Protein backbone atom coordinates (compact mmCIF):
# COMPACT_ATOMS: atom_id res chain seq x y z
CA MET A 1 81.90 140.05 74.34
CA SER A 2 80.09 136.74 74.34
CA ASP A 3 76.65 135.80 75.60
CA ARG A 4 77.42 132.09 75.76
CA GLY A 5 76.35 132.07 79.39
CA GLY A 6 72.75 132.39 78.20
CA ASN A 7 70.05 131.60 80.74
CA GLY A 8 71.65 128.41 82.02
CA ALA A 9 73.29 127.84 85.37
CA SER A 10 76.93 128.93 85.13
CA ILE A 11 79.81 128.46 87.56
CA ILE A 12 83.00 130.46 88.01
CA TRP A 13 85.43 127.95 89.45
CA ASP A 14 88.69 128.28 91.31
CA LEU A 15 91.22 125.75 89.99
CA GLY A 16 93.64 124.22 92.52
CA GLY A 17 91.87 122.72 95.51
CA THR A 18 88.47 123.16 93.88
CA LEU A 19 88.43 121.56 90.43
CA LEU A 20 91.77 119.80 90.90
CA ASP A 21 92.84 117.75 93.93
CA THR A 22 96.12 119.61 94.44
CA TYR A 23 96.36 119.77 98.22
CA PRO A 24 97.83 116.31 98.90
CA ASP A 25 100.93 117.09 96.83
CA VAL A 26 101.28 120.65 98.14
CA ASP A 27 100.80 119.72 101.79
CA ARG A 28 103.26 116.83 101.57
CA ALA A 29 105.94 118.93 99.87
CA LEU A 30 105.66 121.76 102.39
CA ALA A 31 105.64 119.35 105.32
CA ARG A 32 108.86 117.72 104.09
CA ALA A 33 110.51 121.11 103.75
CA ALA A 34 109.24 122.44 107.08
CA PHE A 35 110.33 119.32 108.93
CA ARG A 36 113.76 119.25 107.29
CA ASP A 37 112.92 117.23 104.19
CA ARG A 38 112.13 113.97 105.90
CA THR A 39 111.25 111.29 103.39
CA GLU A 40 108.16 110.39 105.35
CA VAL A 41 106.12 112.94 107.22
CA SER A 42 103.55 112.02 109.82
CA PRO A 43 99.79 112.58 109.54
CA ARG A 44 100.12 115.13 112.34
CA GLN A 45 102.71 117.09 110.37
CA ILE A 46 100.60 116.97 107.23
CA ALA A 47 97.58 118.17 109.22
CA GLU A 48 99.56 121.12 110.58
CA VAL A 49 100.46 122.22 107.08
CA ALA A 50 96.95 121.60 105.73
CA GLN A 51 95.45 123.92 108.32
CA LEU A 52 97.66 126.70 106.97
CA THR A 53 97.30 126.10 103.24
CA ARG A 54 93.52 126.35 103.58
CA VAL A 55 94.04 130.01 104.41
CA SER A 56 96.49 130.60 101.54
CA SER A 57 99.83 129.32 100.29
CA ALA A 58 101.50 132.60 101.26
CA HIS A 59 100.13 132.27 104.80
CA ALA A 60 101.45 128.71 105.00
CA LEU A 61 104.93 129.77 103.89
CA ASP A 62 105.05 132.64 106.38
CA VAL A 63 103.83 130.64 109.37
CA LEU A 64 105.89 127.52 108.67
CA SER A 65 109.03 129.61 108.22
CA ALA A 66 108.52 131.42 111.53
CA ARG A 67 107.33 128.37 113.44
CA HIS A 68 110.02 125.93 112.33
CA GLY A 69 112.94 128.23 111.57
CA VAL A 70 113.08 127.28 107.91
CA PRO A 71 113.99 130.04 105.44
CA ARG A 72 110.94 131.09 103.50
CA GLN A 73 112.83 130.63 100.24
CA VAL A 74 113.37 126.96 101.06
CA LEU A 75 109.63 126.53 101.47
CA GLN A 76 108.94 128.58 98.35
CA THR A 77 111.28 126.34 96.36
CA ALA A 78 109.52 123.22 97.66
CA TYR A 79 106.19 124.73 96.67
CA GLY A 80 107.48 125.55 93.20
CA GLN A 81 108.79 122.02 92.71
CA VAL A 82 105.27 120.69 93.02
CA ALA A 83 104.40 122.36 89.71
CA VAL A 84 107.41 120.68 88.12
CA GLN A 85 106.27 117.33 89.51
CA TRP A 86 102.83 117.88 87.98
CA ARG A 87 104.28 117.88 84.46
CA GLU A 88 104.66 114.11 84.74
CA HIS A 89 102.26 113.34 87.57
CA PRO A 90 99.41 115.87 87.41
CA PRO A 91 96.78 116.01 90.13
CA PRO A 92 93.43 114.33 89.44
CA ALA A 93 90.12 116.05 89.06
CA MET A 94 88.31 116.62 92.31
CA ALA A 95 85.63 114.02 92.96
CA GLY A 96 82.36 115.15 91.41
CA ALA A 97 83.92 117.86 89.24
CA ARG A 98 83.00 116.27 85.91
CA GLU A 99 79.46 115.49 87.05
CA VAL A 100 78.79 119.08 88.10
CA MET A 101 80.45 120.56 85.00
CA ASP A 102 78.38 118.28 82.76
CA ALA A 103 75.23 119.41 84.56
CA VAL A 104 76.15 123.04 83.92
CA ARG A 105 76.51 122.38 80.19
CA ALA A 106 73.33 120.32 80.07
CA ASP A 107 71.52 123.32 81.54
CA GLY A 108 72.90 125.60 78.83
CA GLY A 109 75.45 127.34 81.06
CA VAL A 110 79.23 127.69 80.99
CA ASN A 111 82.10 126.57 83.20
CA LEU A 112 84.60 129.38 83.76
CA VAL A 113 87.84 129.47 85.76
CA ALA A 114 89.55 132.31 87.64
CA THR A 115 92.98 131.20 88.84
CA HIS A 116 96.32 132.46 90.09
CA ARG A 117 98.13 129.90 87.91
CA ASP A 118 99.62 130.79 84.54
CA ALA A 119 97.48 130.01 81.51
CA ALA A 120 99.74 127.33 80.01
CA GLY A 121 100.06 125.51 83.33
CA ALA A 122 96.35 125.79 84.06
CA ARG A 123 95.36 124.40 80.66
CA MET A 124 97.88 121.59 80.98
CA LEU A 125 96.44 120.54 84.33
CA LEU A 126 92.86 120.76 83.08
CA ASP A 127 93.68 118.70 80.00
CA ALA A 128 95.50 116.09 82.06
CA ALA A 129 92.49 115.80 84.38
CA GLY A 130 90.11 115.53 81.44
CA LEU A 131 88.24 118.71 82.36
CA GLU A 132 86.99 121.15 79.73
CA VAL A 133 86.12 124.76 80.51
CA GLU A 134 84.66 127.42 78.26
CA ASP A 135 87.10 130.11 79.40
CA LEU A 136 89.69 130.92 82.03
CA VAL A 137 91.33 134.09 83.30
CA CYS A 138 94.76 133.83 84.92
CA ALA A 139 96.34 136.38 87.24
CA PRO A 140 99.83 136.13 85.63
CA ASP A 141 98.31 137.51 82.41
CA GLY A 142 98.07 140.91 84.08
CA PHE A 143 94.98 140.55 86.24
CA ALA A 144 94.80 141.30 89.95
CA ARG A 145 94.96 138.34 92.29
CA LYS A 146 92.05 137.44 94.53
CA PRO A 147 90.53 138.80 96.74
CA ASP A 148 90.43 141.49 94.06
CA PRO A 149 87.33 140.71 91.94
CA GLN A 150 88.90 141.69 88.60
CA MET A 151 89.23 138.17 87.16
CA LEU A 152 85.60 137.35 87.94
CA ARG A 153 84.41 140.63 86.48
CA VAL A 154 86.32 139.95 83.26
CA LEU A 155 84.67 136.54 82.93
CA ILE A 156 81.24 138.02 83.61
CA ALA A 157 81.80 140.73 80.99
CA ARG A 158 82.91 138.17 78.41
CA HIS A 159 80.10 135.67 78.91
CA ARG A 160 77.25 137.64 80.47
CA PRO A 161 75.79 134.76 82.49
CA ASP A 162 72.31 135.17 83.90
CA PRO A 163 72.95 137.12 87.14
CA ALA A 164 70.29 135.02 88.89
CA ARG A 165 71.89 131.74 87.79
CA VAL A 166 75.63 132.21 88.27
CA LEU A 167 77.67 130.88 91.18
CA ALA A 168 81.32 131.04 92.22
CA VAL A 169 82.94 128.02 93.86
CA GLY A 170 86.28 128.11 95.67
CA ASP A 171 88.16 126.62 98.59
CA LEU A 172 89.83 129.65 100.20
CA PRO A 173 88.70 132.83 101.96
CA VAL A 174 90.08 134.92 99.07
CA ASP A 175 87.72 133.09 96.70
CA VAL A 176 84.78 134.09 98.88
CA ASP A 177 85.94 137.70 99.15
CA ALA A 178 86.54 138.03 95.40
CA ALA A 179 83.14 136.62 94.52
CA ARG A 180 81.32 138.85 96.94
CA ALA A 181 83.17 141.92 95.67
CA ALA A 182 82.08 140.94 92.14
CA GLY A 183 78.48 140.54 93.30
CA VAL A 184 78.40 136.78 92.68
CA PRO A 185 76.94 134.24 95.15
CA VAL A 186 79.67 131.91 96.37
CA VAL A 187 80.05 128.48 97.94
CA LEU A 188 83.13 127.41 99.93
CA LEU A 189 84.45 123.89 99.40
CA GLU A 190 85.92 122.61 102.65
CA THR A 191 88.33 119.75 103.24
CA PRO A 192 86.71 117.44 105.82
CA GLY A 193 88.48 117.74 109.15
CA ILE A 194 90.19 121.04 108.33
CA ARG A 195 88.90 124.11 110.13
CA GLN A 196 88.36 127.02 107.76
CA PRO A 197 88.47 130.68 108.86
CA MET A 198 85.11 132.05 109.84
CA SER A 199 82.89 132.83 106.87
CA THR A 200 79.17 133.21 106.34
CA ALA A 201 79.42 131.63 102.87
CA PRO A 202 77.50 128.36 102.39
CA ARG A 203 79.88 125.41 102.77
CA ILE A 204 80.10 122.02 101.12
CA THR A 205 82.53 119.13 101.50
CA ARG A 206 81.73 117.41 98.16
CA LEU A 207 81.24 119.06 94.80
CA VAL A 208 78.20 116.92 93.99
CA GLN A 209 76.35 118.79 96.73
CA LEU A 210 76.18 121.68 94.24
CA LEU A 211 73.61 119.71 92.26
CA ASP A 212 71.14 120.19 95.09
CA MET A 213 71.84 123.92 95.48
CA PRO A 214 70.78 126.95 93.42
CA PRO A 215 71.29 127.57 90.58
CA LEU A 216 71.66 123.91 89.55
CA SER A 217 68.82 122.67 91.72
CA ALA A 218 66.42 124.82 89.68
CA ARG A 219 66.94 122.61 86.63
CA ARG A 220 65.40 119.58 88.31
C-alpha cells in the first residue's frame, strides 16, 4: 500500500461528466437515436435526454426505449459509438478541473479516479484532456460498479489519504451513494438547468467552487 495521500487534501473523482465534459456528445448521440437519427436534434430533445442521463446511462436507455419505441440495442449502439468517436475527437476537461487538481497537489494530496470505463480508455481520455491523476480504479478490471463502494475503498487502501481531508466528487446519484457507503464526504456536480434526483449531498455547478469548500478551503 502507499501513503502518498499524506496529510494533504485529496479527491476521489468520477471521470465522465465530472473531470471530462462528456455529456454533450452522449446526449446528442442518444437524442439522434431516440428521435430516429435526425441529423439535427432540437434543444428540447437534447434536454429530454439530458434529464435522463443525469440519473444514469442505463436509466436513459431504458426510458428512451420505452418512451419512443426504439429498441434498446439501437440506443446502446449509439452510446457505444460515442467512445469510438472519442478516439479522434476526445471530450475536453471540465472547466476548472486542472485548477482544482493542481490545488490538490500543491496541498500535498492526490487526485484519484473511480470510473466505470476501462483502464485503457480512461487513460486515453485523461491524456487527451491533459489531466494527470495519481491512480485510477476501473470497474471493468473486476471491481463492482457504483453505487457499490469497492472502487473507492481500494483507492483509500492504496493511498491512505487523511480521513479528515478526503472528498469524493461525482455527477450522478450512484457517485453519492458509493462515497457515502465508503465513508467519504461527497459533493455532487450538477449541470445548470438539469434537475437532479433528490439528494442531501452538497451541490456545486462549477468545479472551482471546490476551492472554497473543505478540505481545500483549509489550505488558505
